[in-house]
């Protein structure tokens, strides 16, 4: 994993920007602090889950789930609370 950034969200989940080895293979991952539903999916404490990006280079994902989006390059990200963008 090529980490591009690490943060902790307000629920204590570890958020990791995985830049991938090749351009376009970036994903945002979450390590669940507690079991429950977060980022639209059921999570078990301590397990890692993709929350954005599908790891495939390309141009897709507008209007769909974040986990199905693809990017043609490595991406930068910034955590923003809901409703601030």
PDB file of N, CA and C in Angstrom:
ATOM      1  N   UNK A   1       0.841  -1.166   0.000  1.00  0.00           N
ATOM      2  CA  UNK A   1       0.000   0.000   0.000  1.00  0.00           C
ATOM      3  C   UNK A   1       0.891   1.236   0.000  1.00  0.00           C
ATOM      4  N   UNK A   2       0.557   2.207  -0.818  1.00  0.00           N
ATOM      5  CA  UNK A   2       1.256   3.485  -0.872  1.00  0.00           C
ATOM      6  C   UNK A   2       0.335   4.542  -0.273  1.00  0.00           C
ATOM      7  N   UNK A   3       0.547   4.853   0.992  1.00  0.00           N
ATOM      8  CA  UNK A   3      -0.347   5.750   1.707  1.00  0.00           C
ATOM      9  C   UNK A   3      -0.135   7.189   1.285  1.00  0.00           C
ATOM     10  N   UNK A   4      -1.250   7.841   0.920  1.00  0.00           N
ATOM     11  CA  UNK A   4      -1.203   9.238   0.523  1.00  0.00           C
ATOM     12  C   UNK A   4      -1.717  10.167   1.602  1.00  0.00           C
ATOM     13  N   UNK A   5      -2.223   9.612   2.669  1.00  0.00           N
ATOM     14  CA  UNK A   5      -2.734  10.406   3.771  1.00  0.00           C
ATOM     15  C   UNK A   5      -3.512   9.538   4.730  1.00  0.00           C
ATOM     16  N   UNK A   6      -3.562   9.960   5.982  1.00  0.00           N
ATOM     17  CA  UNK A   6      -4.279   9.226   7.019  1.00  0.00           C
ATOM     18  C   UNK A   6      -5.024  10.234   7.874  1.00  0.00           C
ATOM     19  N   UNK A   7      -6.245   9.879   8.260  1.00  0.00           N
ATOM     20  CA  UNK A   7      -7.053  10.746   9.129  1.00  0.00           C
ATOM     21  C   UNK A   7      -7.937   9.858   9.995  1.00  0.00           C
ATOM     22  N   UNK A   8      -8.516  10.459  11.012  1.00  0.00           N
ATOM     23  CA  UNK A   8      -9.495   9.786  11.850  1.00  0.00           C
ATOM     24  C   UNK A   8     -10.777  10.598  11.764  1.00  0.00           C
ATOM     25  N   UNK A   9     -11.897   9.946  11.420  1.00  0.00           N
ATOM     26  CA  UNK A   9     -13.160  10.676  11.323  1.00  0.00           C
ATOM     27  C   UNK A   9     -13.774  10.862  12.708  1.00  0.00           C
ATOM     28  N   UNK A  10     -14.891  11.556  12.768  1.00  0.00           N
ATOM     29  CA  UNK A  10     -15.486  11.884  14.063  1.00  0.00           C
ATOM     30  C   UNK A  10     -15.995  10.663  14.836  1.00  0.00           C
ATOM     31  N   UNK A  11     -16.140   9.518  14.160  1.00  0.00           N
ATOM     32  CA  UNK A  11     -16.558   8.286  14.826  1.00  0.00           C
ATOM     33  C   UNK A  11     -15.371   7.425  15.254  1.00  0.00           C
ATOM     34  N   UNK A  12     -14.152   7.901  15.000  1.00  0.00           N
ATOM     35  CA  UNK A  12     -12.959   7.160  15.395  1.00  0.00           C
ATOM     36  C   UNK A  12     -12.451   6.180  14.360  1.00  0.00           C
ATOM     37  N   UNK A  13     -13.062   6.150  13.169  1.00  0.00           N
ATOM     38  CA  UNK A  13     -12.602   5.262  12.104  1.00  0.00           C
ATOM     39  C   UNK A  13     -11.326   5.822  11.481  1.00  0.00           C
ATOM     40  N   UNK A  14     -10.379   4.956  11.189  1.00  0.00           N
ATOM     41  CA  UNK A  14      -9.146   5.353  10.531  1.00  0.00           C
ATOM     42  C   UNK A  14      -9.413   5.413   9.026  1.00  0.00           C
ATOM     43  N   UNK A  15      -9.144   6.558   8.402  1.00  0.00           N
ATOM     44  CA  UNK A  15      -9.361   6.750   6.970  1.00  0.00           C
ATOM     45  C   UNK A  15      -7.996   6.842   6.297  1.00  0.00           C
ATOM     46  N   UNK A  16      -7.784   6.011   5.283  1.00  0.00           N
ATOM     47  CA  UNK A  16      -6.488   5.918   4.615  1.00  0.00           C
ATOM     48  C   UNK A  16      -6.650   6.194   3.128  1.00  0.00           C
ATOM     49  N   UNK A  17      -5.842   7.102   2.605  1.00  0.00           N
ATOM     50  CA  UNK A  17      -5.783   7.324   1.161  1.00  0.00           C
ATOM     51  C   UNK A  17      -4.692   6.404   0.616  1.00  0.00           C
ATOM     52  N   UNK A  18      -5.094   5.359  -0.092  1.00  0.00           N
ATOM     53  CA  UNK A  18      -4.161   4.414  -0.701  1.00  0.00           C
ATOM     54  C   UNK A  18      -3.930   4.863  -2.128  1.00  0.00           C
ATOM     55  N   UNK A  19      -2.726   5.341  -2.434  1.00  0.00           N
ATOM     56  CA  UNK A  19      -2.453   5.896  -3.748  1.00  0.00           C
ATOM     57  C   UNK A  19      -2.210   4.851  -4.819  1.00  0.00           C
ATOM     58  N   UNK A  20      -2.077   3.617  -4.468  1.00  0.00           N
ATOM     59  CA  UNK A  20      -1.845   2.575  -5.469  1.00  0.00           C
ATOM     60  C   UNK A  20      -0.456   2.671  -6.063  1.00  0.00           C
ATOM     61  N   UNK A  21      -0.087   1.657  -6.795  1.00  0.00           N
ATOM     62  CA  UNK A  21       1.244   1.622  -7.422  1.00  0.00           C
ATOM     63  C   UNK A  21       1.260   2.320  -8.773  1.00  0.00           C
ATOM     64  N   UNK A  22       0.132   2.371  -9.435  1.00  0.00           N
ATOM     65  CA  UNK A  22       0.032   2.984 -10.755  1.00  0.00           C
ATOM     66  C   UNK A  22      -0.985   4.121 -10.712  1.00  0.00           C
ATOM     67  N   UNK A  23      -0.823   5.140 -11.570  1.00  0.00           N
ATOM     68  CA  UNK A  23      -1.828   6.195 -11.626  1.00  0.00           C
ATOM     69  C   UNK A  23      -3.215   5.610 -11.866  1.00  0.00           C
ATOM     70  N   UNK A  24      -4.188   6.148 -11.167  1.00  0.00           N
ATOM     71  CA  UNK A  24      -5.560   5.696 -11.351  1.00  0.00           C
ATOM     72  C   UNK A  24      -5.979   4.542 -10.467  1.00  0.00           C
ATOM     73  N   UNK A  25      -5.081   4.024  -9.661  1.00  0.00           N
ATOM     74  CA  UNK A  25      -5.449   2.887  -8.822  1.00  0.00           C
ATOM     75  C   UNK A  25      -5.704   3.306  -7.372  1.00  0.00           C
ATOM     76  N   UNK A  26      -5.957   4.572  -7.158  1.00  0.00           N
ATOM     77  CA  UNK A  26      -6.190   5.092  -5.819  1.00  0.00           C
ATOM     78  C   UNK A  26      -7.527   4.660  -5.251  1.00  0.00           C
ATOM     79  N   UNK A  27      -7.566   4.486  -3.940  1.00  0.00           N
ATOM     80  CA  UNK A  27      -8.801   4.165  -3.216  1.00  0.00           C
ATOM     81  C   UNK A  27      -8.736   4.829  -1.850  1.00  0.00           C
ATOM     82  N   UNK A  28      -9.884   5.111  -1.300  1.00  0.00           N
ATOM     83  CA  UNK A  28      -9.986   5.578   0.070  1.00  0.00           C
ATOM     84  C   UNK A  28     -10.517   4.398   0.888  1.00  0.00           C
ATOM     85  N   UNK A  29      -9.807   4.052   1.954  1.00  0.00           N
ATOM     86  CA  UNK A  29     -10.161   2.904   2.793  1.00  0.00           C
ATOM     87  C   UNK A  29     -10.508   3.377   4.195  1.00  0.00           C
ATOM     88  N   UNK A  30     -11.362   2.633   4.877  1.00  0.00           N
ATOM     89  CA  UNK A  30     -11.702   2.909   6.270  1.00  0.00           C
ATOM     90  C   UNK A  30     -11.447   1.667   7.097  1.00  0.00           C
ATOM     91  N   UNK A  31     -10.823   1.857   8.247  1.00  0.00           N
ATOM     92  CA  UNK A  31     -10.678   0.784   9.230  1.00  0.00           C
ATOM     93  C   UNK A  31     -11.687   1.109  10.325  1.00  0.00           C
ATOM     94  N   UNK A  32     -12.689   0.256  10.470  1.00  0.00           N
ATOM     95  CA  UNK A  32     -13.790   0.520  11.396  1.00  0.00           C
ATOM     96  C   UNK A  32     -13.326   0.481  12.847  1.00  0.00           C
ATOM     97  N   UNK A  33     -13.682   1.521  13.599  1.00  0.00           N
ATOM     98  CA  UNK A  33     -13.370   1.571  15.024  1.00  0.00           C
ATOM     99  C   UNK A  33     -14.342   0.699  15.814  1.00  0.00           C
ATOM    100  N   UNK A  34     -15.593   0.671  15.351  1.00  0.00           N
ATOM    101  CA  UNK A  34     -16.639  -0.127  16.000  1.00  0.00           C
ATOM    102  C   UNK A  34     -17.476  -0.791  14.921  1.00  0.00           C
ATOM    103  N   UNK A  35     -18.121  -1.858  15.258  1.00  0.00           N
ATOM    104  CA  UNK A  35     -19.025  -2.522  14.320  1.00  0.00           C
ATOM    105  C   UNK A  35     -20.286  -1.681  14.151  1.00  0.00           C
ATOM    106  N   UNK A  36     -20.834  -1.699  12.951  1.00  0.00           N
ATOM    107  CA  UNK A  36     -22.047  -0.950  12.655  1.00  0.00           C
ATOM    108  C   UNK A  36     -22.064  -0.532  11.203  1.00  0.00           C
ATOM    109  N   UNK A  37     -23.018   0.300  10.839  1.00  0.00           N
ATOM    110  CA  UNK A  37     -23.126   0.779   9.458  1.00  0.00           C
ATOM    111  C   UNK A  37     -22.499   2.158   9.354  1.00  0.00           C
ATOM    112  N   UNK A  38     -21.513   2.277   8.488  1.00  0.00           N
ATOM    113  CA  UNK A  38     -20.843   3.535   8.229  1.00  0.00           C
ATOM    114  C   UNK A  38     -20.507   3.594   6.745  1.00  0.00           C
ATOM    115  N   UNK A  39     -20.543   4.782   6.211  1.00  0.00           N
ATOM    116  CA  UNK A  39     -20.253   4.985   4.788  1.00  0.00           C
ATOM    117  C   UNK A  39     -21.132   4.101   3.906  1.00  0.00           C
ATOM    118  N   UNK A  40     -22.352   3.864   4.367  1.00  0.00           N
ATOM    119  CA  UNK A  40     -23.324   3.116   3.585  1.00  0.00           C
ATOM    120  C   UNK A  40     -23.117   1.614   3.549  1.00  0.00           C
ATOM    121  N   UNK A  41     -22.290   1.084   4.427  1.00  0.00           N
ATOM    122  CA  UNK A  41     -22.064  -0.360   4.423  1.00  0.00           C
ATOM    123  C   UNK A  41     -21.855  -0.881   5.845  1.00  0.00           C
ATOM    124  N   UNK A  42     -22.224  -2.126   6.042  1.00  0.00           N
ATOM    125  CA  UNK A  42     -22.020  -2.770   7.344  1.00  0.00           C
ATOM    126  C   UNK A  42     -20.527  -3.020   7.533  1.00  0.00           C
ATOM    127  N   UNK A  43     -20.011  -2.648   8.699  1.00  0.00           N
ATOM    128  CA  UNK A  43     -18.586  -2.806   8.992  1.00  0.00           C
ATOM    129  C   UNK A  43     -18.397  -3.529  10.315  1.00  0.00           C
ATOM    130  N   UNK A  44     -17.319  -4.290  10.400  1.00  0.00           N
ATOM    131  CA  UNK A  44     -16.934  -4.978  11.624  1.00  0.00           C
ATOM    132  C   UNK A  44     -15.687  -4.288  12.175  1.00  0.00           C
ATOM    133  N   UNK A  45     -15.667  -4.033  13.461  1.00  0.00           N
ATOM    134  CA  UNK A  45     -14.537  -3.356  14.096  1.00  0.00           C
ATOM    135  C   UNK A  45     -13.213  -4.020  13.729  1.00  0.00           C
ATOM    136  N   UNK A  46     -12.231  -3.205  13.344  1.00  0.00           N
ATOM    137  CA  UNK A  46     -10.903  -3.699  13.018  1.00  0.00           C
ATOM    138  C   UNK A  46     -10.712  -4.134  11.578  1.00  0.00           C
ATOM    139  N   UNK A  47     -11.790  -4.252  10.809  1.00  0.00           N
ATOM    140  CA  UNK A  47     -11.687  -4.660   9.407  1.00  0.00           C
ATOM    141  C   UNK A  47     -11.543  -3.433   8.514  1.00  0.00           C
ATOM    142  N   UNK A  48     -10.943  -3.633   7.343  1.00  0.00           N
ATOM    143  CA  UNK A  48     -10.720  -2.553   6.383  1.00  0.00           C
ATOM    144  C   UNK A  48     -11.726  -2.648   5.248  1.00  0.00           C
ATOM    145  N   UNK A  49     -12.287  -1.485   4.858  1.00  0.00           N
ATOM    146  CA  UNK A  49     -13.314  -1.436   3.822  1.00  0.00           C
ATOM    147  C   UNK A  49     -13.022  -0.305   2.842  1.00  0.00           C
ATOM    148  N   UNK A  50     -13.259  -0.525   1.541  1.00  0.00           N
ATOM    149  CA  UNK A  50     -13.149   0.581   0.588  1.00  0.00           C
ATOM    150  C   UNK A  50     -14.364   1.496   0.750  1.00  0.00           C
ATOM    151  N   UNK A  51     -14.125   2.804   0.750  1.00  0.00           N
ATOM    152  CA  UNK A  51     -15.241   3.745   0.830  1.00  0.00           C
ATOM    153  C   UNK A  51     -15.305   4.671  -0.384  1.00  0.00           C
ATOM    154  N   UNK A  52     -14.234   4.704  -1.179  1.00  0.00           N
ATOM    155  CA  UNK A  52     -14.244   5.485  -2.424  1.00  0.00           C
ATOM    156  C   UNK A  52     -13.165   4.949  -3.358  1.00  0.00           C
ATOM    157  N   UNK A  53     -13.488   4.930  -4.640  1.00  0.00           N
ATOM    158  CA  UNK A  53     -12.561   4.460  -5.660  1.00  0.00           C
ATOM    159  C   UNK A  53     -12.653   2.957  -5.844  1.00  0.00           C
ATOM    160  N   UNK A  54     -12.500   2.521  -7.098  1.00  0.00           N
ATOM    161  CA  UNK A  54     -12.564   1.084  -7.377  1.00  0.00           C
ATOM    162  C   UNK A  54     -11.201   0.504  -7.727  1.00  0.00           C
ATOM    163  N   UNK A  55     -10.155   1.334  -7.714  1.00  0.00           N
ATOM    164  CA  UNK A  55      -8.808   0.838  -7.981  1.00  0.00           C
ATOM    165  C   UNK A  55      -8.496   0.620  -9.445  1.00  0.00           C
ATOM    166  N   UNK A  56      -9.395   1.060 -10.332  1.00  0.00           N
ATOM    167  CA  UNK A  56      -9.204   0.887 -11.766  1.00  0.00           C
ATOM    168  C   UNK A  56      -9.064   2.247 -12.440  1.00  0.00           C
ATOM    169  N   UNK A  57      -8.013   2.458 -13.254  1.00  0.00           N
ATOM    170  CA  UNK A  57      -7.880   3.736 -13.956  1.00  0.00           C
ATOM    171  C   UNK A  57      -9.044   3.956 -14.927  1.00  0.00           C
ATOM    172  N   UNK A  58      -9.448   5.189 -15.085  1.00  0.00           N
ATOM    173  CA  UNK A  58     -10.503   5.507 -16.040  1.00  0.00           C
ATOM    174  C   UNK A  58     -11.299   6.719 -15.619  1.00  0.00           C
ATOM    175  N   UNK A  59     -12.382   6.974 -16.342  1.00  0.00           N
ATOM    176  CA  UNK A  59     -13.279   8.089 -16.047  1.00  0.00           C
ATOM    177  C   UNK A  59     -14.671   7.521 -15.844  1.00  0.00           C
ATOM    178  N   UNK A  60     -15.079   7.313 -14.608  1.00  0.00           N
ATOM    179  CA  UNK A  60     -16.433   6.829 -14.363  1.00  0.00           C
ATOM    180  C   UNK A  60     -16.821   7.123 -12.935  1.00  0.00           C
ATOM    181  N   UNK A  61     -18.120   7.016 -12.677  1.00  0.00           N
ATOM    182  CA  UNK A  61     -18.603   7.133 -11.318  1.00  0.00           C
ATOM    183  C   UNK A  61     -19.524   8.291 -11.038  1.00  0.00           C
ATOM    184  N   UNK A  62     -19.668   9.242 -11.962  1.00  0.00           N
ATOM    185  CA  UNK A  62     -20.559  10.370 -11.714  1.00  0.00           C
ATOM    186  C   UNK A  62     -21.976   9.882 -11.451  1.00  0.00           C
ATOM    187  N   UNK A  63     -22.539  10.285 -10.328  1.00  0.00           N
ATOM    188  CA  UNK A  63     -23.909   9.930  -9.996  1.00  0.00           C
ATOM    189  C   UNK A  63     -24.077   8.553  -9.384  1.00  0.00           C
ATOM    190  N   UNK A  64     -22.996   7.813  -9.222  1.00  0.00           N
ATOM    191  CA  UNK A  64     -23.095   6.464  -8.658  1.00  0.00           C
ATOM    192  C   UNK A  64     -22.403   6.376  -7.313  1.00  0.00           C
ATOM    193  N   UNK A  65     -22.341   5.180  -6.762  1.00  0.00           N
ATOM    194  CA  UNK A  65     -21.666   4.992  -5.480  1.00  0.00           C
ATOM    195  C   UNK A  65     -20.176   5.343  -5.571  1.00  0.00           C
ATOM    196  N   UNK A  66     -19.640   5.926  -4.511  1.00  0.00           N
ATOM    197  CA  UNK A  66     -18.230   6.325  -4.492  1.00  0.00           C
ATOM    198  C   UNK A  66     -17.295   5.141  -4.710  1.00  0.00           C
ATOM    199  N   UNK A  67     -17.696   3.947  -4.269  1.00  0.00           N
ATOM    200  CA  UNK A  67     -16.834   2.774  -4.413  1.00  0.00           C
ATOM    201  C   UNK A  67     -16.761   2.261  -5.847  1.00  0.00           C
ATOM    202  N   UNK A  68     -17.603   2.770  -6.722  1.00  0.00           N
ATOM    203  CA  UNK A  68     -17.552   2.363  -8.138  1.00  0.00           C
ATOM    204  C   UNK A  68     -16.870   3.396  -9.018  1.00  0.00           C
ATOM    205  N   UNK A  69     -16.420   4.483  -8.427  1.00  0.00           N
ATOM    206  CA  UNK A  69     -15.767   5.549  -9.190  1.00  0.00           C
ATOM    207  C   UNK A  69     -14.344   5.153  -9.557  1.00  0.00           C
ATOM    208  N   UNK A  70     -13.905   5.590 -10.712  1.00  0.00           N
ATOM    209  CA  UNK A  70     -12.513   5.400 -11.117  1.00  0.00           C
ATOM    210  C   UNK A  70     -11.925   6.751 -11.492  1.00  0.00           C
ATOM    211  N   UNK A  71     -10.621   6.828 -11.428  1.00  0.00           N
ATOM    212  CA  UNK A  71      -9.919   8.077 -11.694  1.00  0.00           C
ATOM    213  C   UNK A  71      -8.749   7.798 -12.631  1.00  0.00           C
ATOM    214  N   UNK A  72      -8.434   8.758 -13.509  1.00  0.00           N
ATOM    215  CA  UNK A  72      -7.324   8.542 -14.424  1.00  0.00           C
ATOM    216  C   UNK A  72      -5.963   8.814 -13.783  1.00  0.00           C
ATOM    217  N   UNK A  73      -5.937   9.306 -12.567  1.00  0.00           N
ATOM    218  CA  UNK A  73      -4.669   9.659 -11.938  1.00  0.00           C
ATOM    219  C   UNK A  73      -4.754   9.472 -10.429  1.00  0.00           C
ATOM    220  N   UNK A  74      -3.648   9.662  -9.762  1.00  0.00           N
ATOM    221  CA  UNK A  74      -3.662   9.637  -8.309  1.00  0.00           C
ATOM    222  C   UNK A  74      -4.456  10.835  -7.834  1.00  0.00           C
ATOM    223  N   UNK A  75      -5.175  10.650  -6.778  1.00  0.00           N
ATOM    224  CA  UNK A  75      -6.042  11.724  -6.305  1.00  0.00           C
ATOM    225  C   UNK A  75      -5.605  12.230  -4.943  1.00  0.00           C
ATOM    226  N   UNK A  76      -5.879  13.496  -4.716  1.00  0.00           N
ATOM    227  CA  UNK A  76      -5.701  14.085  -3.395  1.00  0.00           C
ATOM    228  C   UNK A  76      -7.082  14.162  -2.776  1.00  0.00           C
ATOM    229  N   UNK A  77      -7.163  14.133  -1.462  1.00  0.00           N
ATOM    230  CA  UNK A  77      -8.461  14.184  -0.835  1.00  0.00           C
ATOM    231  C   UNK A  77      -8.395  15.003   0.438  1.00  0.00           C
ATOM    232  N   UNK A  78      -9.534  15.482   0.816  1.00  0.00           N
ATOM    233  CA  UNK A  78      -9.650  16.252   2.045  1.00  0.00           C
ATOM    234  C   UNK A  78     -10.968  15.877   2.690  1.00  0.00           C
ATOM    235  N   UNK A  79     -10.941  15.549   3.959  1.00  0.00           N
ATOM    236  CA  UNK A  79     -12.162  15.216   4.679  1.00  0.00           C
ATOM    237  C   UNK A  79     -12.961  16.485   4.902  1.00  0.00           C
ATOM    238  N   UNK A  80     -14.230  16.448   4.518  1.00  0.00           N
ATOM    239  CA  UNK A  80     -15.124  17.582   4.743  1.00  0.00           C
ATOM    240  C   UNK A  80     -16.402  17.065   5.392  1.00  0.00           C
ATOM    241  N   UNK A  81     -16.841  17.686   6.460  1.00  0.00           N
ATOM    242  CA  UNK A  81     -18.083  17.242   7.093  1.00  0.00           C
ATOM    243  C   UNK A  81     -19.250  17.338   6.131  1.00  0.00           C
ATOM    244  N   UNK A  82     -20.240  16.462   6.271  1.00  0.00           N
ATOM    245  CA  UNK A  82     -21.419  16.514   5.391  1.00  0.00           C
ATOM    246  C   UNK A  82     -22.037  17.913   5.397  1.00  0.00           C
ATOM    247  N   UNK A  83     -22.466  18.340   4.216  1.00  0.00           N
ATOM    248  CA  UNK A  83     -23.120  19.637   4.072  1.00  0.00           C
ATOM    249  C   UNK A  83     -22.199  20.815   3.900  1.00  0.00           C
ATOM    250  N   UNK A  84     -20.866  20.584   3.842  1.00  0.00           N
ATOM    251  CA  UNK A  84     -19.934  21.723   3.700  1.00  0.00           C
ATOM    252  C   UNK A  84     -19.434  21.906   2.278  1.00  0.00           C
ATOM    253  N   UNK A  85     -19.867  21.071   1.353  1.00  0.00           N
ATOM    254  CA  UNK A  85     -19.407  21.221  -0.029  1.00  0.00           C
ATOM    255  C   UNK A  85     -20.524  21.410  -0.967  1.00  0.00           C
TER     256      UNK A  85
END
